[in-house]
Every structure is written in C-alpha cells, then in structure tokens.
Amino acid sequence: MIEKLKLDDEKALFDFETSNRYFFETLVPTRGDEFYIPPYFNLRLHALLDEQEKGLSYFFLIKNSEHEIVGRVNLVDINEHGTGQIGYRVGEEYIGKGIAYQAVQQLLKEISQYKKVKVIEGKTTANNIASQKVLEKNGFVYCGESNEGVDHFLHYKYEINEGLEEC
C-alpha cells in the first residue's frame, strides 16, 4: 500500500496534489501557489528525493490496488537525536476508509527498521478530528497544543522501540 517516492511518480503526484489542493487547504495550511507550478514542483520533488537519499526524510505514496496515488505519508526533518515529524494526507474521494490509519501503521513498521529514527512527532490542526484519531489509533500520545499564526495545533509523540514516550 505504501511505496517510497521516486522520480517516476512526478506526473501522478502532481495530478494528485493539484486535484486535491482545495480539499487539503481546508484541513492544513496551504503550500502556496508556487507549489502547483510544474517547474517548481519538479525542483521540489528533486529536493525531496535528495533529502530521502541522505536519510533526512522519507517520503511514501499511498497507492490503491490499481497503483493510483490515493495519499501520502512522510517522515521529515529527522534530526541528530533521531526525532522526525510525521505528515500524511489522503485524497478527498478516499477519506473515511481507514487508508490514513493503515498507511501510518505501515510507515511505523517500515521506519522501525531504520535504526536512526527513535521518536516520531505529529501535529494536526485542532479541527482535523480524523487526523487526531489516526495518530491516537496508531499509539501516538497527546502532548499538548500550540498556536502558529492563525492555526491551532494538537501535538503527539510516538517512540519507535520503547513503547510510548512521555511528552
């Protein structure tokens, strides 16, 4: 169900992101207009693949049985202490089917093989109840809240090998 991002995915990923842009922007802060311009998208994709090659981030596509992209799940900004940030999104026509839950579950299994990663942090907007449930069902612990600009976030944490870490 999840596959590591590769350059060959560019067109399908661009189509997925552009067709779901307005839906995603109701749930998470916008990526800005520039993200949806093909040459910039290409540069951004190359930068992501470079981060992945260096082990700084891992990017996965969620695909259905027809190999169509239905979502994304990522672990980014992995620091020297082994802490990374999880992010995920599922296309509008695929929500409510347990896809994000399964993708996060698969990511946790995949990442557990990478010795560098020890803790995964997640945050959701306060109004994104479905995303909060995905984290909680996958064993993330609620850690608190913050305001960033006009957005209100809930923070979560998951420890890879030792069970749950206190916040």
C-alpha atoms as a PDB file:
ATOM      1  CA  MET A   1       0.000   0.000   0.000  1.00  0.00           C
ATOM      2  CA  ILE A   2       2.842   2.495   0.682  1.00  0.00           C
ATOM      3  CA  GLU A   3       5.762   2.860  -1.714  1.00  0.00           C
ATOM      4  CA  LYS A   4       8.823   5.060  -1.407  1.00  0.00           C
ATOM      5  CA  LEU A   5       8.628   8.187  -3.536  1.00  0.00           C
ATOM      6  CA  LYS A   6      10.671   8.098  -6.742  1.00  0.00           C
ATOM      7  CA  LEU A   7      11.184  10.419  -9.704  1.00  0.00           C
ATOM      8  CA  ASP A   8       8.912   8.315 -11.928  1.00  0.00           C
ATOM      9  CA  ASP A   9       5.975   9.322  -9.697  1.00  0.00           C
ATOM     10  CA  GLU A  10       6.206  13.020 -10.617  1.00  0.00           C
ATOM     11  CA  LYS A  11       3.262  13.341 -13.028  1.00  0.00           C
ATOM     12  CA  ALA A  12       0.891  11.194 -10.966  1.00  0.00           C
ATOM     13  CA  LEU A  13       1.880  13.014  -7.765  1.00  0.00           C
ATOM     14  CA  PHE A  14       1.443  16.444  -9.362  1.00  0.00           C
ATOM     15  CA  ASP A  15      -2.013  15.417 -10.606  1.00  0.00           C
ATOM     16  CA  PHE A  16      -2.928  14.078  -7.147  1.00  0.00           C
ATOM     17  CA  GLU A  17      -1.789  17.264  -5.392  1.00  0.00           C
ATOM     18  CA  THR A  18      -3.484  19.648  -7.829  1.00  0.00           C
ATOM     19  CA  SER A  19      -6.776  17.745  -7.896  1.00  0.00           C
ATOM     20  CA  ASN A  20      -6.929  17.717  -4.080  1.00  0.00           C
ATOM     21  CA  ARG A  21      -5.482  21.173  -3.404  1.00  0.00           C
ATOM     22  CA  TYR A  22      -8.619  22.919  -2.216  1.00  0.00           C
ATOM     23  CA  PHE A  23      -9.721  19.970  -0.096  1.00  0.00           C
ATOM     24  CA  PHE A  24      -6.308  19.795   1.612  1.00  0.00           C
ATOM     25  CA  GLU A  25      -6.326  23.537   2.248  1.00  0.00           C
ATOM     26  CA  THR A  26      -9.496  23.144   4.335  1.00  0.00           C
ATOM     27  CA  LEU A  27      -7.532  20.881   6.708  1.00  0.00           C
ATOM     28  CA  VAL A  28      -3.913  22.070   6.702  1.00  0.00           C
ATOM     29  CA  PRO A  29      -2.067  25.300   5.909  1.00  0.00           C
ATOM     30  CA  THR A  30      -1.629  25.965   2.186  1.00  0.00           C
ATOM     31  CA  ARG A  31       1.572  25.076   0.350  1.00  0.00           C
ATOM     32  CA  GLY A  32       1.225  28.293  -1.644  1.00  0.00           C
ATOM     33  CA  ASP A  33       0.543  28.888  -5.324  1.00  0.00           C
ATOM     34  CA  GLU A  34       4.145  28.261  -6.361  1.00  0.00           C
ATOM     35  CA  PHE A  35       3.936  24.596  -5.292  1.00  0.00           C
ATOM     36  CA  TYR A  36       1.407  23.969  -8.076  1.00  0.00           C
ATOM     37  CA  ILE A  37       3.566  25.342 -10.898  1.00  0.00           C
ATOM     38  CA  PRO A  38       5.142  22.376 -12.754  1.00  0.00           C
ATOM     39  CA  PRO A  39       8.768  23.613 -12.898  1.00  0.00           C
ATOM     40  CA  TYR A  40       8.726  24.495  -9.181  1.00  0.00           C
ATOM     41  CA  PHE A  41       7.039  21.188  -8.357  1.00  0.00           C
ATOM     42  CA  ASN A  42       9.830  19.400 -10.251  1.00  0.00           C
ATOM     43  CA  LEU A  43      12.512  21.268  -8.286  1.00  0.00           C
ATOM     44  CA  ARG A  44      10.741  20.495  -5.027  1.00  0.00           C
ATOM     45  CA  LEU A  45      10.454  16.810  -5.932  1.00  0.00           C
ATOM     46  CA  HIS A  46      14.195  16.633  -6.656  1.00  0.00           C
ATOM     47  CA  ALA A  47      14.904  18.305  -3.299  1.00  0.00           C
ATOM     48  CA  LEU A  48      12.694  15.755  -1.515  1.00  0.00           C
ATOM     49  CA  LEU A  49      14.417  12.853  -3.245  1.00  0.00           C
ATOM     50  CA  ASP A  50      17.790  14.307  -2.236  1.00  0.00           C
ATOM     51  CA  GLU A  51      16.635  14.510   1.416  1.00  0.00           C
ATOM     52  CA  GLN A  52      15.455  10.911   1.183  1.00  0.00           C
ATOM     53  CA  GLU A  53      18.777   9.774  -0.300  1.00  0.00           C
ATOM     54  CA  LYS A  54      20.603  11.404   2.633  1.00  0.00           C
ATOM     55  CA  GLY A  55      18.281   9.806   5.212  1.00  0.00           C
ATOM     56  CA  LEU A  56      16.989  13.183   6.416  1.00  0.00           C
ATOM     57  CA  SER A  57      13.396  12.404   5.433  1.00  0.00           C
ATOM     58  CA  TYR A  58      11.381   9.528   3.999  1.00  0.00           C
ATOM     59  CA  PHE A  59       8.523  10.071   1.570  1.00  0.00           C
ATOM     60  CA  PHE A  60       5.938   7.425   0.727  1.00  0.00           C
ATOM     61  CA  LEU A  61       2.978   7.349  -1.617  1.00  0.00           C
ATOM     62  CA  ILE A  62      -0.192   5.552  -0.630  1.00  0.00           C
ATOM     63  CA  LYS A  63      -1.431   3.601  -3.641  1.00  0.00           C
ATOM     64  CA  ASN A  64      -4.546   1.552  -4.248  1.00  0.00           C
ATOM     65  CA  SER A  65      -4.693  -1.856  -5.937  1.00  0.00           C
ATOM     66  CA  GLU A  66      -4.624  -0.146  -9.361  1.00  0.00           C
ATOM     67  CA  HIS A  67      -1.381   1.645  -8.329  1.00  0.00           C
ATOM     68  CA  GLU A  68      -3.103   5.044  -8.312  1.00  0.00           C
ATOM     69  CA  ILE A  69      -1.953   7.562  -5.714  1.00  0.00           C
ATOM     70  CA  VAL A  70      -4.631   7.988  -3.056  1.00  0.00           C
ATOM     71  CA  GLY A  71      -2.481   9.725  -0.443  1.00  0.00           C
ATOM     72  CA  ARG A  72       0.933  10.413   1.021  1.00  0.00           C
ATOM     73  CA  VAL A  73       2.677   9.617   4.291  1.00  0.00           C
ATOM     74  CA  ASN A  74       6.052  11.092   5.191  1.00  0.00           C
ATOM     75  CA  LEU A  75       8.616  11.269   7.953  1.00  0.00           C
ATOM     76  CA  VAL A  76      10.568  14.512   7.642  1.00  0.00           C
ATOM     77  CA  ASP A  77      13.190  16.620   9.392  1.00  0.00           C
ATOM     78  CA  ILE A  78      14.897  13.709  11.137  1.00  0.00           C
ATOM     79  CA  ASN A  79      17.398  15.311  13.499  1.00  0.00           C
ATOM     80  CA  GLU A  80      20.639  14.081  15.091  1.00  0.00           C
ATOM     81  CA  HIS A  81      18.660  12.755  18.084  1.00  0.00           C
ATOM     82  CA  GLY A  82      16.550  10.507  15.844  1.00  0.00           C
ATOM     83  CA  THR A  83      13.350  12.554  16.058  1.00  0.00           C
ATOM     84  CA  GLY A  84      11.279  13.111  12.920  1.00  0.00           C
ATOM     85  CA  GLN A  85       7.938  14.673  12.052  1.00  0.00           C
ATOM     86  CA  ILE A  86       5.130  12.618  10.523  1.00  0.00           C
ATOM     87  CA  GLY A  87       2.779  14.001   7.922  1.00  0.00           C
ATOM     88  CA  TYR A  88       0.058  12.389   5.842  1.00  0.00           C
ATOM     89  CA  ARG A  89      -2.813  13.270   3.570  1.00  0.00           C
ATOM     90  CA  VAL A  90      -5.448  11.249   1.770  1.00  0.00           C
ATOM     91  CA  GLY A  91      -7.332  12.440  -1.303  1.00  0.00           C
ATOM     92  CA  GLU A  92     -10.876  13.667  -0.784  1.00  0.00           C
ATOM     93  CA  GLU A  93     -12.560  10.718  -2.504  1.00  0.00           C
ATOM     94  CA  TYR A  94     -10.676   8.257  -0.273  1.00  0.00           C
ATOM     95  CA  ILE A  95     -11.345   9.694   3.193  1.00  0.00           C
ATOM     96  CA  GLY A  96     -13.229   7.705   5.799  1.00  0.00           C
ATOM     97  CA  LYS A  97     -11.963   4.335   4.564  1.00  0.00           C
ATOM     98  CA  GLY A  98      -9.146   3.739   7.052  1.00  0.00           C
ATOM     99  CA  ILE A  99      -6.466   4.488   4.460  1.00  0.00           C
ATOM    100  CA  ALA A 100      -4.563   7.034   6.569  1.00  0.00           C
ATOM    101  CA  TYR A 101      -4.645   4.720   9.591  1.00  0.00           C
ATOM    102  CA  GLN A 102      -3.241   1.818   7.569  1.00  0.00           C
ATOM    103  CA  ALA A 103      -0.616   3.993   5.888  1.00  0.00           C
ATOM    104  CA  VAL A 104       0.646   5.366   9.218  1.00  0.00           C
ATOM    105  CA  GLN A 105       0.681   1.826  10.598  1.00  0.00           C
ATOM    106  CA  GLN A 106       2.780   0.696   7.618  1.00  0.00           C
ATOM    107  CA  LEU A 107       5.094   3.701   7.956  1.00  0.00           C
ATOM    108  CA  LEU A 108       5.723   2.879  11.616  1.00  0.00           C
ATOM    109  CA  LYS A 109       6.581  -0.695  10.674  1.00  0.00           C
ATOM    110  CA  GLU A 110       8.890   0.446   7.864  1.00  0.00           C
ATOM    111  CA  ILE A 111      10.604   3.129   9.959  1.00  0.00           C
ATOM    112  CA  SER A 112      11.213   0.724  12.842  1.00  0.00           C
ATOM    113  CA  GLN A 113      13.849  -0.900  10.609  1.00  0.00           C
ATOM    114  CA  TYR A 114      15.805   2.367  10.369  1.00  0.00           C
ATOM    115  CA  LYS A 115      17.968   2.479  13.487  1.00  0.00           C
ATOM    116  CA  LYS A 116      18.425   6.240  13.172  1.00  0.00           C
ATOM    117  CA  VAL A 117      14.757   7.023  13.930  1.00  0.00           C
ATOM    118  CA  LYS A 118      13.763   6.814  17.591  1.00  0.00           C
ATOM    119  CA  VAL A 119      10.855   9.240  18.090  1.00  0.00           C
ATOM    120  CA  ILE A 120       8.137  10.450  15.746  1.00  0.00           C
ATOM    121  CA  GLU A 121       6.257  13.655  16.464  1.00  0.00           C
ATOM    122  CA  GLY A 122       2.978  14.594  14.840  1.00  0.00           C
ATOM    123  CA  LYS A 123       0.685  17.572  14.860  1.00  0.00           C
ATOM    124  CA  THR A 124      -2.773  18.172  13.491  1.00  0.00           C
ATOM    125  CA  THR A 125      -4.944  21.205  13.207  1.00  0.00           C
ATOM    126  CA  ALA A 126      -7.475  21.323  16.027  1.00  0.00           C
ATOM    127  CA  ASN A 127     -10.386  20.939  13.593  1.00  0.00           C
ATOM    128  CA  ASN A 128      -8.956  17.808  11.932  1.00  0.00           C
ATOM    129  CA  ILE A 129     -10.547  15.197  14.191  1.00  0.00           C
ATOM    130  CA  ALA A 130      -9.951  12.371  11.694  1.00  0.00           C
ATOM    131  CA  SER A 131      -6.199  13.031  11.718  1.00  0.00           C
ATOM    132  CA  GLN A 132      -6.151  13.074  15.513  1.00  0.00           C
ATOM    133  CA  LYS A 133      -7.876   9.677  15.532  1.00  0.00           C
ATOM    134  CA  VAL A 134      -5.317   8.273  13.065  1.00  0.00           C
ATOM    135  CA  LEU A 135      -2.454   9.221  15.378  1.00  0.00           C
ATOM    136  CA  GLU A 136      -4.179   8.007  18.541  1.00  0.00           C
ATOM    137  CA  LYS A 137      -5.203   4.657  16.988  1.00  0.00           C
ATOM    138  CA  ASN A 138      -1.571   4.140  15.961  1.00  0.00           C
ATOM    139  CA  GLY A 139      -0.317   4.639  19.523  1.00  0.00           C
ATOM    140  CA  PHE A 140       0.731   8.285  19.475  1.00  0.00           C
ATOM    141  CA  VAL A 141       0.440  10.098  22.810  1.00  0.00           C
ATOM    142  CA  TYR A 142      -1.179  13.551  23.032  1.00  0.00           C
ATOM    143  CA  CYS A 143       1.409  16.098  24.210  1.00  0.00           C
ATOM    144  CA  GLY A 144      -0.262  19.497  24.125  1.00  0.00           C
ATOM    145  CA  GLU A 145      -1.371  22.355  21.906  1.00  0.00           C
ATOM    146  CA  SER A 146       0.101  25.408  20.230  1.00  0.00           C
ATOM    147  CA  ASN A 147      -0.893  28.359  18.105  1.00  0.00           C
ATOM    148  CA  GLU A 148       1.089  29.106  14.967  1.00  0.00           C
ATOM    149  CA  GLY A 149      -0.215  32.224  13.305  1.00  0.00           C
ATOM    150  CA  VAL A 150      -3.941  31.708  12.838  1.00  0.00           C
ATOM    151  CA  ASP A 151      -3.681  27.909  13.118  1.00  0.00           C
ATOM    152  CA  HIS A 152      -4.260  25.947  16.333  1.00  0.00           C
ATOM    153  CA  PHE A 153      -2.414  22.602  16.530  1.00  0.00           C
ATOM    154  CA  LEU A 154      -2.528  19.483  18.697  1.00  0.00           C
ATOM    155  CA  HIS A 155       0.821  17.711  19.218  1.00  0.00           C
ATOM    156  CA  TYR A 156       1.509  13.974  19.511  1.00  0.00           C
ATOM    157  CA  LYS A 157       4.548  11.742  20.027  1.00  0.00           C
ATOM    158  CA  TYR A 158       5.454   8.095  19.368  1.00  0.00           C
ATOM    159  CA  GLU A 159       8.600   6.270  20.468  1.00  0.00           C
ATOM    160  CA  ILE A 160       9.708   3.592  17.990  1.00  0.00           C
ATOM    161  CA  ASN A 161      11.299   0.834  20.080  1.00  0.00           C
ATOM    162  CA  GLU A 162      10.485   1.578  23.696  1.00  0.00           C
ATOM    163  CA  GLY A 163       6.721   1.997  23.637  1.00  0.00           C
ATOM    164  CA  LEU A 164       5.293   5.398  24.374  1.00  0.00           C
ATOM    165  CA  GLU A 165       7.449   8.293  25.468  1.00  0.00           C
ATOM    166  CA  GLU A 166       6.147  10.913  27.844  1.00  0.00           C
ATOM    167  CA  CYS A 167       5.831  14.398  26.397  1.00  0.00           C
END
